[in-house]
PDB file of N, CA and C in Angstrom:
ATOM      1  N   MET A   1      90.485  38.474 140.803  1.00  0.00           N
ATOM      2  CA  MET A   1      88.865  37.359 140.599  1.00  0.00           C
ATOM      3  C   MET A   1      87.877  37.722 140.369  1.00  0.00           C
ATOM      4  N   LYS A   2      87.326  39.177 141.529  1.00  0.00           N
ATOM      5  CA  LYS A   2      86.468  40.006 140.898  1.00  0.00           C
ATOM      6  C   LYS A   2      86.413  40.879 139.770  1.00  0.00           C
ATOM      7  N   LEU A   3      87.544  41.204 138.905  1.00  0.00           N
ATOM      8  CA  LEU A   3      87.612  42.089 138.901  1.00  0.00           C
ATOM      9  C   LEU A   3      87.631  41.419 137.442  1.00  0.00           C
ATOM     10  N   ASP A   4      87.764  40.432 137.565  1.00  0.00           N
ATOM     11  CA  ASP A   4      88.318  39.176 136.072  1.00  0.00           C
ATOM     12  C   ASP A   4      86.949  38.557 135.515  1.00  0.00           C
ATOM     13  N   LEU A   5      85.907  38.604 136.538  1.00  0.00           N
ATOM     14  CA  LEU A   5      84.120  37.942 136.362  1.00  0.00           C
ATOM     15  C   LEU A   5      84.270  39.335 136.225  1.00  0.00           C
ATOM     16  N   CYS A   6      83.855  40.680 136.021  1.00  0.00           N
ATOM     17  CA  CYS A   6      83.323  41.857 135.485  1.00  0.00           C
ATOM     18  C   CYS A   6      83.818  42.611 134.460  1.00  0.00           C
ATOM     19  N   LEU A   7      85.512  41.678 133.877  1.00  0.00           N
ATOM     20  CA  LEU A   7      85.518  42.036 132.886  1.00  0.00           C
ATOM     21  C   LEU A   7      84.888  40.616 131.600  1.00  0.00           C
ATOM     22  N   GLN A   8      84.723  39.657 132.213  1.00  0.00           N
ATOM     23  CA  GLN A   8      84.323  38.660 131.778  1.00  0.00           C
ATOM     24  C   GLN A   8      82.518  38.947 131.624  1.00  0.00           C
ATOM     25  N   LEU A   9      82.537  39.751 132.442  1.00  0.00           N
ATOM     26  CA  LEU A   9      80.465  39.354 131.851  1.00  0.00           C
ATOM     27  C   LEU A   9      80.396  40.853 130.765  1.00  0.00           C
ATOM     28  N   GLN A  10      81.678  41.956 130.551  1.00  0.00           N
ATOM     29  CA  GLN A  10      81.725  42.611 129.602  1.00  0.00           C
ATOM     30  C   GLN A  10      81.774  41.482 128.296  1.00  0.00           C
ATOM     31  N   VAL A  11      82.810  41.558 128.231  1.00  0.00           N
ATOM     32  CA  VAL A  11      82.831  40.309 127.375  1.00  0.00           C
ATOM     33  C   VAL A  11      81.293  39.414 126.406  1.00  0.00           C
ATOM     34  N   PHE A  12      80.757  38.854 127.769  1.00  0.00           N
ATOM     35  CA  PHE A  12      79.644  38.781 127.446  1.00  0.00           C
ATOM     36  C   PHE A  12      78.483  40.059 127.557  1.00  0.00           C
ATOM     37  N   GLU A  13      78.753  40.430 127.444  1.00  0.00           N
ATOM     38  CA  GLU A  13      77.538  41.763 127.601  1.00  0.00           C
ATOM     39  C   GLU A  13      77.945  42.440 126.133  1.00  0.00           C
ATOM     40  N   ARG A  14      78.926  42.666 125.791  1.00  0.00           N
ATOM     41  CA  ARG A  14      79.486  42.209 124.238  1.00  0.00           C
ATOM     42  C   ARG A  14      79.177  42.038 123.260  1.00  0.00           C
ATOM     43  N   ASP A  15      79.544  40.249 123.112  1.00  0.00           N
ATOM     44  CA  ASP A  15      79.612  39.607 122.373  1.00  0.00           C
ATOM     45  C   ASP A  15      77.889  39.047 122.158  1.00  0.00           C
ATOM     46  N   SER A  16      77.196  39.475 123.921  1.00  0.00           N
ATOM     47  CA  SER A  16      75.293  38.971 123.122  1.00  0.00           C
ATOM     48  C   SER A  16      75.231  40.459 122.781  1.00  0.00           C
ATOM     49  N   MET A  17      75.512  41.208 122.833  1.00  0.00           N
ATOM     50  CA  MET A  17      75.090  42.244 121.306  1.00  0.00           C
ATOM     51  C   MET A  17      75.798  42.612 120.229  1.00  0.00           C
ATOM     52  N   GLU A  18      76.452  41.520 119.611  1.00  0.00           N
ATOM     53  CA  GLU A  18      77.261  42.258 118.877  1.00  0.00           C
ATOM     54  C   GLU A  18      75.937  40.613 117.929  1.00  0.00           C
ATOM     55  N   VAL A  19      76.279  39.655 119.052  1.00  0.00           N
ATOM     56  CA  VAL A  19      74.669  38.811 118.394  1.00  0.00           C
ATOM     57  C   VAL A  19      73.646  38.501 118.167  1.00  0.00           C
ATOM     58  N   SER A  20      73.394  39.739 118.339  1.00  0.00           N
ATOM     59  CA  SER A  20      71.776  40.856 118.976  1.00  0.00           C
ATOM     60  C   SER A  20      71.297  41.695 116.922  1.00  0.00           C
ATOM     61  N   SER A  21      72.868  42.371 116.743  1.00  0.00           N
ATOM     62  CA  SER A  21      72.859  42.974 115.901  1.00  0.00           C
ATOM     63  C   SER A  21      73.454  41.727 114.909  1.00  0.00           C
ATOM     64  N   GLN A  22      73.614  41.005 115.133  1.00  0.00           N
ATOM     65  CA  GLN A  22      73.330  39.962 113.260  1.00  0.00           C
ATOM     66  C   GLN A  22      72.974  39.127 113.288  1.00  0.00           C
ATOM     67  N   LEU A  23      72.319  39.032 113.829  1.00  0.00           N
ATOM     68  CA  LEU A  23      70.372  38.587 113.863  1.00  0.00           C
ATOM     69  C   LEU A  23      69.111  39.594 113.107  1.00  0.00           C
ATOM     70  N   GLU A  24      69.782  40.716 113.922  1.00  0.00           N
ATOM     71  CA  GLU A  24      68.802  41.902 113.188  1.00  0.00           C
ATOM     72  C   GLU A  24      69.113  41.771 111.819  1.00  0.00           C
ATOM     73  N   LEU A  25      70.453  42.075 111.191  1.00  0.00           N
ATOM     74  CA  LEU A  25      71.021  42.208 110.276  1.00  0.00           C
ATOM     75  C   LEU A  25      70.285  40.730 109.098  1.00  0.00           C
ATOM     76  N   LEU A  26      70.023  39.491 109.402  1.00  0.00           N
ATOM     77  CA  LEU A  26      69.286  39.042 108.993  1.00  0.00           C
ATOM     78  C   LEU A  26      68.290  38.426 108.709  1.00  0.00           C
ATOM     79  N   SER A  27      67.678  38.994 109.710  1.00  0.00           N
ATOM     80  CA  SER A  27      66.245  39.399 109.244  1.00  0.00           C
ATOM     81  C   SER A  27      65.365  40.639 108.011  1.00  0.00           C
ATOM     82  N   GLU A  28      66.906  41.857 108.641  1.00  0.00           N
ATOM     83  CA  GLU A  28      66.445  42.936 107.944  1.00  0.00           C
ATOM     84  C   GLU A  28      66.714  42.318 106.151  1.00  0.00           C
ATOM     85  N   GLU A  29      67.655  41.849 105.829  1.00  0.00           N
ATOM     86  CA  GLU A  29      68.229  41.243 104.880  1.00  0.00           C
ATOM     87  C   GLU A  29      67.282  40.149 104.312  1.00  0.00           C
ATOM     88  N   LEU A  30      66.725  38.596 104.951  1.00  0.00           N
ATOM     89  CA  LEU A  30      65.534  38.614 104.835  1.00  0.00           C
ATOM     90  C   LEU A  30      64.307  39.405 104.110  1.00  0.00           C
ATOM     91  N   GLN A  31      64.511  40.032 104.721  1.00  0.00           N
ATOM     92  CA  GLN A  31      62.642  41.162 104.431  1.00  0.00           C
ATOM     93  C   GLN A  31      63.030  41.825 103.254  1.00  0.00           C
ATOM     94  N   HIS A  32      64.035  42.346 102.919  1.00  0.00           N
ATOM     95  CA  HIS A  32      64.338  43.031 101.386  1.00  0.00           C
ATOM     96  C   HIS A  32      64.805  42.173 100.169  1.00  0.00           C
ATOM     97  N   MET A  33      63.829  41.056 100.774  1.00  0.00           N
ATOM     98  CA  MET A  33      65.200  39.682  99.508  1.00  0.00           C
ATOM     99  C   MET A  33      64.457  39.982  98.598  1.00  0.00           C
ATOM    100  N   GLU A  34      64.601  40.459  96.883  1.00  0.00           N
ATOM    101  CA  GLU A  34      63.852  40.083  95.340  1.00  0.00           C
ATOM    102  C   GLU A  34      63.517  38.674  95.711  1.00  0.00           C
ATOM    103  N   MET A  35      63.023  38.879  94.653  1.00  0.00           N
ATOM    104  CA  MET A  35      62.225  36.877  94.126  1.00  0.00           C
ATOM    105  C   MET A  35      63.615  36.574  92.955  1.00  0.00           C
ATOM    106  N   VAL A  36      63.706  35.309  93.163  1.00  0.00           N
ATOM    107  CA  VAL A  36      65.240  35.348  91.890  1.00  0.00           C
ATOM    108  C   VAL A  36      64.170  33.970  91.045  1.00  0.00           C
ATOM    109  N   THR A  37      64.387  34.597  89.640  1.00  0.00           N
ATOM    110  CA  THR A  37      63.735  33.262  89.024  1.00  0.00           C
ATOM    111  C   THR A  37      63.886  32.117  88.285  1.00  0.00           C
ATOM    112  N   ASP A  38      66.049  32.913  88.110  1.00  0.00           N
ATOM    113  CA  ASP A  38      66.978  32.352  88.038  1.00  0.00           C
ATOM    114  C   ASP A  38      67.519  30.908  88.837  1.00  0.00           C
ATOM    115  N   GLY A  39      67.110  30.077  87.901  1.00  0.00           N
ATOM    116  CA  GLY A  39      67.735  29.204  89.050  1.00  0.00           C
ATOM    117  C   GLY A  39      68.636  28.953  89.807  1.00  0.00           C
ATOM    118  N   SER A  40      70.160  28.832  88.950  1.00  0.00           N
ATOM    119  CA  SER A  40      71.356  29.202  89.759  1.00  0.00           C
ATOM    120  C   SER A  40      71.994  30.036  90.092  1.00  0.00           C
ATOM    121  N   LYS A  41      70.801  31.765  90.050  1.00  0.00           N
ATOM    122  CA  LYS A  41      71.168  32.713  91.312  1.00  0.00           C
ATOM    123  C   LYS A  41      70.389  32.295  92.196  1.00  0.00           C
ATOM    124  N   ALA A  42      69.396  31.470  92.205  1.00  0.00           N
ATOM    125  CA  ALA A  42      68.431  31.224  93.270  1.00  0.00           C
ATOM    126  C   ALA A  42      69.055  30.274  94.611  1.00  0.00           C
ATOM    127  N   GLU A  43      70.379  29.261  94.007  1.00  0.00           N
ATOM    128  CA  GLU A  43      70.428  28.510  94.459  1.00  0.00           C
ATOM    129  C   GLU A  43      71.933  29.109  95.458  1.00  0.00           C
ATOM    130  N   GLN A  44      72.313  29.688  94.478  1.00  0.00           N
ATOM    131  CA  GLN A  44      73.302  30.929  95.032  1.00  0.00           C
ATOM    132  C   GLN A  44      73.309  32.026  95.932  1.00  0.00           C
ATOM    133  N   LEU A  45      72.328  31.747  96.399  1.00  0.00           N
ATOM    134  CA  LEU A  45      71.682  33.264  97.622  1.00  0.00           C
ATOM    135  C   LEU A  45      70.876  32.614  98.354  1.00  0.00           C
ATOM    136  N   LEU A  46      71.284  31.222  98.515  1.00  0.00           N
ATOM    137  CA  LEU A  46      70.540  30.271  99.563  1.00  0.00           C
ATOM    138  C   LEU A  46      71.912  29.231 100.217  1.00  0.00           C
ATOM    139  N   GLN A  47      72.766  30.131  99.504  1.00  0.00           N
ATOM    140  CA  GLN A  47      73.955  29.501  99.731  1.00  0.00           C
ATOM    141  C   GLN A  47      74.704  29.670 100.515  1.00  0.00           C
ATOM    142  N   ILE A  48      74.697  32.004  99.892  1.00  0.00           N
ATOM    143  CA  ILE A  48      75.446  33.012 100.263  1.00  0.00           C
ATOM    144  C   ILE A  48      74.020  32.666 101.838  1.00  0.00           C
ATOM    145  N   HIS A  49      73.055  32.480 102.554  1.00  0.00           N
ATOM    146  CA  HIS A  49      71.726  32.723 103.127  1.00  0.00           C
ATOM    147  C   HIS A  49      72.410  31.347 104.481  1.00  0.00           C
ATOM    148  N   ASN A  50      72.733  30.174 103.744  1.00  0.00           N
ATOM    149  CA  ASN A  50      72.659  28.815 104.811  1.00  0.00           C
ATOM    150  C   ASN A  50      73.797  29.806 105.568  1.00  0.00           C
ATOM    151  N   GLU A  51      74.525  30.378 105.021  1.00  0.00           N
ATOM    152  CA  GLU A  51      76.864  30.446 105.276  1.00  0.00           C
ATOM    153  C   GLU A  51      76.244  31.329 106.352  1.00  0.00           C
ATOM    154  N   SER A  52      75.169  32.851 106.469  1.00  0.00           N
ATOM    155  CA  SER A  52      75.218  33.421 106.926  1.00  0.00           C
ATOM    156  C   SER A  52      75.000  32.757 107.984  1.00  0.00           C
ATOM    157  N   VAL A  53      73.898  31.452 107.978  1.00  0.00           N
ATOM    158  CA  VAL A  53      72.587  31.328 109.609  1.00  0.00           C
ATOM    159  C   VAL A  53      74.040  30.616 110.059  1.00  0.00           C
ATOM    160  N   MET A  54      74.691  29.675 109.495  1.00  0.00           N
ATOM    161  CA  MET A  54      74.902  28.848 110.248  1.00  0.00           C
ATOM    162  C   MET A  54      76.520  29.584 111.396  1.00  0.00           C
ATOM    163  N   HIS A  55      76.894  31.052 110.236  1.00  0.00           N
ATOM    164  CA  HIS A  55      77.251  31.253 111.084  1.00  0.00           C
ATOM    165  C   HIS A  55      76.720  32.307 112.993  1.00  0.00           C
ATOM    166  N   VAL A  56      76.093  32.509 112.710  1.00  0.00           N
ATOM    167  CA  VAL A  56      74.921  33.587 113.086  1.00  0.00           C
ATOM    168  C   VAL A  56      74.717  31.882 114.354  1.00  0.00           C
ATOM    169  N   GLN A  57      74.235  31.131 114.470  1.00  0.00           N
ATOM    170  CA  GLN A  57      74.250  30.145 114.839  1.00  0.00           C
ATOM    171  C   GLN A  57      74.939  29.466 115.657  1.00  0.00           C
ATOM    172  N   ASN A  58      75.927  29.768 115.339  1.00  0.00           N
ATOM    173  CA  ASN A  58      77.586  29.373 115.900  1.00  0.00           C
ATOM    174  C   ASN A  58      77.694  30.107 116.446  1.00  0.00           C
ATOM    175  N   CYS A  59      77.914  31.687 116.534  1.00  0.00           N
ATOM    176  CA  CYS A  59      77.672  33.127 117.079  1.00  0.00           C
ATOM    177  C   CYS A  59      77.071  33.147 118.419  1.00  0.00           C
ATOM    178  N   THR A  60      75.997  31.799 118.221  1.00  0.00           N
ATOM    179  CA  THR A  60      75.038  31.750 119.404  1.00  0.00           C
ATOM    180  C   THR A  60      74.905  31.142 120.024  1.00  0.00           C
ATOM    181  N   TYR A  61      75.352  30.176 119.593  1.00  0.00           N
ATOM    182  CA  TYR A  61      76.054  28.740 120.632  1.00  0.00           C
ATOM    183  C   TYR A  61      77.105  29.197 121.744  1.00  0.00           C
ATOM    184  N   GLU A  62      78.165  29.958 121.877  1.00  0.00           N
ATOM    185  CA  GLU A  62      79.234  30.161 121.933  1.00  0.00           C
ATOM    186  C   GLU A  62      78.625  30.716 122.749  1.00  0.00           C
ATOM    187  N   VAL A  63      78.127  31.787 122.183  1.00  0.00           N
ATOM    188  CA  VAL A  63      77.152  33.736 123.372  1.00  0.00           C
ATOM    189  C   VAL A  63      77.207  32.493 124.577  1.00  0.00           C
ATOM    190  N   LEU A  64      75.884  31.286 124.467  1.00  0.00           N
ATOM    191  CA  LEU A  64      75.482  30.948 125.252  1.00  0.00           C
ATOM    192  C   LEU A  64      76.294  30.627 126.375  1.00  0.00           C
ATOM    193  N   GLN A  65      76.821  29.449 125.694  1.00  0.00           N
ATOM    194  CA  GLN A  65      77.275  28.959 126.809  1.00  0.00           C
ATOM    195  C   GLN A  65      78.483  29.802 127.090  1.00  0.00           C
ATOM    196  N   ARG A  66      79.427  30.835 126.834  1.00  0.00           N
ATOM    197  CA  ARG A  66      79.623  31.519 127.901  1.00  0.00           C
ATOM    198  C   ARG A  66      78.826  31.887 129.089  1.00  0.00           C
ATOM    199  N   GLY A  67      77.702  32.666 128.103  1.00  0.00           N
ATOM    200  CA  GLY A  67      76.669  32.554 129.783  1.00  0.00           C
ATOM    201  C   GLY A  67      76.660  31.810 130.434  1.00  0.00           C
ATOM    202  N   GLN A  68      76.493  30.508 130.418  1.00  0.00           N
ATOM    203  CA  GLN A  68      75.979  29.469 130.865  1.00  0.00           C
ATOM    204  C   GLN A  68      77.825  29.131 131.854  1.00  0.00           C
ATOM    205  N   GLU A  69      78.072  29.214 131.899  1.00  0.00           N
ATOM    206  CA  GLU A  69      79.821  29.293 132.628  1.00  0.00           C
ATOM    207  C   GLU A  69      79.472  30.762 133.065  1.00  0.00           C
ATOM    208  N   LEU A  70      78.993  31.747 132.585  1.00  0.00           N
ATOM    209  CA  LEU A  70      79.542  33.004 133.720  1.00  0.00           C
ATOM    210  C   LEU A  70      78.400  32.901 135.149  1.00  0.00           C
ATOM    211  N   ALA A  71      77.315  32.299 134.899  1.00  0.00           N
ATOM    212  CA  ALA A  71      76.470  31.719 135.526  1.00  0.00           C
ATOM    213  C   ALA A  71      77.019  31.155 136.506  1.00  0.00           C
ATOM    214  N   GLN A  72      77.521  30.036 136.228  1.00  0.00           N
ATOM    215  CA  GLN A  72      78.040  28.900 136.641  1.00  0.00           C
ATOM    216  C   GLN A  72      78.962  29.172 138.277  1.00  0.00           C
ATOM    217  N   VAL A  73      79.722  30.329 137.735  1.00  0.00           N
ATOM    218  CA  VAL A  73      81.197  31.662 138.308  1.00  0.00           C
ATOM    219  C   VAL A  73      80.290  31.862 139.909  1.00  0.00           C
ATOM    220  N   GLY A  74      79.009  31.925 138.784  1.00  0.00           N
ATOM    221  CA  GLY A  74      78.211  33.350 139.808  1.00  0.00           C
ATOM    222  C   GLY A  74      77.777  32.666 140.848  1.00  0.00           C
ATOM    223  N   LYS A  75      77.109  31.400 140.432  1.00  0.00           N
ATOM    224  CA  LYS A  75      76.563  31.008 142.101  1.00  0.00           C
ATOM    225  C   LYS A  75      76.923  30.206 143.041  1.00  0.00           C
ATOM    226  N   LEU A  76      78.685  30.051 141.926  1.00  0.00           N
ATOM    227  CA  LEU A  76      79.788  29.263 142.994  1.00  0.00           C
ATOM    228  C   LEU A  76      80.337  29.841 144.177  1.00  0.00           C
ATOM    229  N   LYS A  77      80.390  31.790 143.410  1.00  0.00           N
ATOM    230  CA  LYS A  77      80.787  32.438 143.887  1.00  0.00           C
ATOM    231  C   LYS A  77      79.788  33.225 145.478  1.00  0.00           C
ATOM    232  N   GLN A  78      78.552  32.746 144.484  1.00  0.00           N
ATOM    233  CA  GLN A  78      77.217  33.059 145.895  1.00  0.00           C
ATOM    234  C   GLN A  78      77.280  32.531 146.968  1.00  0.00           C
ATOM    235  N   ALA A  79      77.523  30.310 146.366  1.00  0.00           N
ATOM    236  CA  ALA A  79      77.895  29.996 147.891  1.00  0.00           C
ATOM    237  C   ALA A  79      78.494  29.735 148.530  1.00  0.00           C
ATOM    238  N   ILE A  80      80.142  30.117 148.117  1.00  0.00           N
ATOM    239  CA  ILE A  80      81.597  30.619 149.203  1.00  0.00           C
ATOM    240  C   ILE A  80      81.157  31.212 149.405  1.00  0.00           C
ATOM    241  N   HIS A  81      80.223  32.791 149.208  1.00  0.00           N
ATOM    242  CA  HIS A  81      80.430  33.817 150.513  1.00  0.00           C
ATOM    243  C   HIS A  81      79.392  34.100 150.945  1.00  0.00           C
ATOM    244  N   ILE A  82      78.166  32.183 151.512  1.00  0.00           N
ATOM    245  CA  ILE A  82      77.190  32.228 151.875  1.00  0.00           C
ATOM    246  C   ILE A  82      77.723  31.625 152.953  1.00  0.00           C
TER     247      ILE A  82
END
């Protein structure tokens, strides 16, 4: 059980780092984006951006949910050992 929890924490850490990297990449893309005057090109870029943001948001929520679940397991384990 303890080994399983350690493995789950490692997976959570990896997923957290991945989401953090995705957020940094998205931020860098926004900072280096050119101004577009063509309406259809702007709409296309906006659609791509919105899809990227939605993906990162979904990943973030999944990682947060998993972190909360692991925190609850940790609290339960502490309560059992006290």
